[in-house]
Amino acid sequence: EYQELTAKLHNLELREQTLRELLQCDSPDRSEEYPWQDDSKKYDTLTRQPKVFLRAHLPNQQRTSVQVKDGVTLREALMKALKLRNLTCEMCEVVRTGNNEVIPWDIDI
């Protein structure tokens, strides 16, 4: 029963992540929807910046995403995700996709 529930939880987490990625990548540009809107509002200094997420591939074909925030290290950002999976930073290595450059855990993201 434990393995069955764990598998279901894993599948739900994967589905949630897929949906989040779709929302992040496929969000439509609302300016095309309402072309008559005042363009000066596009350049307001109080405009919120879109949230940026870091995608982490973990051992055992697991993945997670964390929001990129100023002043937060990679270690701090991934700590909860690793802890939930009984992983530690010492068990993992951070590399940049594409060139496999090793990234230190204490770098600000």
Protein backbone atom coordinates (compact mmCIF):
# COMPACT_ATOMS: atom_id res chain seq x y z
CA GLU A 1 0.00 0.00 0.00
CA TYR A 2 2.85 2.40 0.85
CA GLN A 3 4.48 1.85 -2.56
CA GLU A 4 1.15 2.31 -4.32
CA LEU A 5 0.49 5.60 -2.52
CA THR A 6 4.05 6.76 -3.11
CA ALA A 7 3.69 6.04 -6.82
CA LYS A 8 0.39 7.96 -6.92
CA LEU A 9 1.97 10.90 -5.11
CA HIS A 10 4.91 10.87 -7.51
CA ASN A 11 2.55 10.84 -10.51
CA LEU A 12 0.56 13.74 -9.06
CA GLU A 13 3.75 15.73 -8.47
CA LEU A 14 4.83 15.11 -12.06
CA ARG A 15 1.41 16.17 -13.33
CA GLU A 16 1.49 19.32 -11.18
CA GLN A 17 4.94 20.18 -12.50
CA THR A 18 3.84 19.64 -16.09
CA LEU A 19 0.86 21.93 -15.58
CA ARG A 20 3.04 24.60 -13.97
CA GLU A 21 5.43 24.46 -16.90
CA LEU A 22 2.57 24.80 -19.35
CA LEU A 23 1.26 27.81 -17.47
CA GLN A 24 4.70 29.38 -17.36
CA CYS A 25 5.58 28.73 -21.02
CA ASP A 26 2.21 29.16 -22.69
CA SER A 27 0.83 32.23 -20.95
CA PRO A 28 -0.69 34.36 -23.72
CA ASP A 29 0.28 37.96 -24.34
CA ARG A 30 -2.76 39.91 -23.18
CA SER A 31 -1.70 43.04 -25.05
CA GLU A 32 -2.78 41.43 -28.33
CA GLU A 33 -6.17 40.67 -26.83
CA TYR A 34 -6.88 44.34 -26.04
CA PRO A 35 -4.99 46.45 -28.58
CA TRP A 36 -6.93 49.62 -27.73
CA GLN A 37 -5.50 49.78 -24.20
CA ASP A 38 -3.24 52.69 -23.29
CA ASP A 39 0.37 51.70 -24.06
CA SER A 40 1.72 54.02 -21.36
CA LYS A 41 0.60 51.49 -18.73
CA LYS A 42 3.05 48.96 -20.15
CA TYR A 43 5.95 51.07 -18.91
CA ASP A 44 4.74 51.78 -15.39
CA THR A 45 7.60 51.57 -12.88
CA LEU A 46 5.41 49.60 -10.48
CA THR A 47 4.81 46.78 -12.94
CA ARG A 48 5.38 43.35 -11.42
CA GLN A 49 8.09 41.24 -12.96
CA PRO A 50 7.13 37.68 -13.93
CA LYS A 51 8.19 34.96 -11.52
CA VAL A 52 11.22 33.00 -12.64
CA PHE A 53 11.62 29.35 -11.71
CA LEU A 54 14.64 27.09 -11.56
CA ARG A 55 14.07 23.50 -12.70
CA ALA A 56 16.01 20.85 -10.78
CA HIS A 57 16.43 17.24 -11.87
CA LEU A 58 16.90 15.09 -8.78
CA PRO A 59 17.97 11.45 -8.32
CA ASN A 60 15.52 8.63 -9.12
CA GLN A 61 13.96 10.54 -12.04
CA GLN A 62 12.48 13.16 -9.71
CA ARG A 63 12.14 16.83 -10.58
CA THR A 64 11.22 20.00 -8.77
CA SER A 65 10.98 23.72 -9.45
CA VAL A 66 11.79 26.55 -7.09
CA GLN A 67 11.20 30.25 -7.48
CA VAL A 68 14.31 32.35 -8.10
CA LYS A 69 14.57 35.08 -5.46
CA ASP A 70 17.22 37.71 -4.78
CA GLY A 71 19.52 36.88 -1.88
CA VAL A 72 18.61 33.17 -1.75
CA THR A 73 21.31 30.60 -2.38
CA LEU A 74 20.82 27.49 -4.46
CA ARG A 75 21.22 25.40 -1.30
CA GLU A 76 18.49 27.35 0.53
CA ALA A 77 16.14 27.24 -2.45
CA LEU A 78 16.37 23.47 -2.88
CA MET A 79 16.63 22.55 0.82
CA LYS A 80 12.92 21.80 1.31
CA ALA A 81 12.64 19.73 -1.88
CA LEU A 82 15.72 17.72 -0.94
CA LYS A 83 14.58 17.21 2.65
CA LEU A 84 11.16 15.93 1.54
CA ARG A 85 12.96 13.29 -0.52
CA ASN A 86 15.48 12.42 2.21
CA LEU A 87 18.32 13.85 0.11
CA THR A 88 21.17 16.14 1.07
CA CYS A 89 23.35 18.50 -0.94
CA GLU A 90 26.24 16.10 -0.48
CA MET A 91 24.31 13.44 -2.43
CA CYS A 92 23.72 15.74 -5.40
CA GLU A 93 25.71 17.78 -7.87
CA VAL A 94 24.45 20.91 -9.60
CA VAL A 95 25.33 21.32 -13.27
CA ARG A 96 24.25 23.77 -15.94
CA THR A 97 22.25 22.13 -18.72
CA GLY A 98 24.09 22.06 -22.00
CA ASN A 99 27.72 22.37 -20.95
CA ASN A 100 27.69 20.36 -17.68
CA GLU A 101 29.44 23.20 -15.83
CA VAL A 102 29.40 22.44 -12.08
CA ILE A 103 27.63 25.14 -10.07
CA PRO A 104 28.46 25.70 -6.37
CA TRP A 105 25.66 25.22 -3.84
CA ASP A 106 26.28 28.59 -2.20
CA ILE A 107 25.74 30.69 -5.32
CA ASP A 108 22.88 33.21 -5.27
CA ILE A 109 20.15 32.36 -7.74
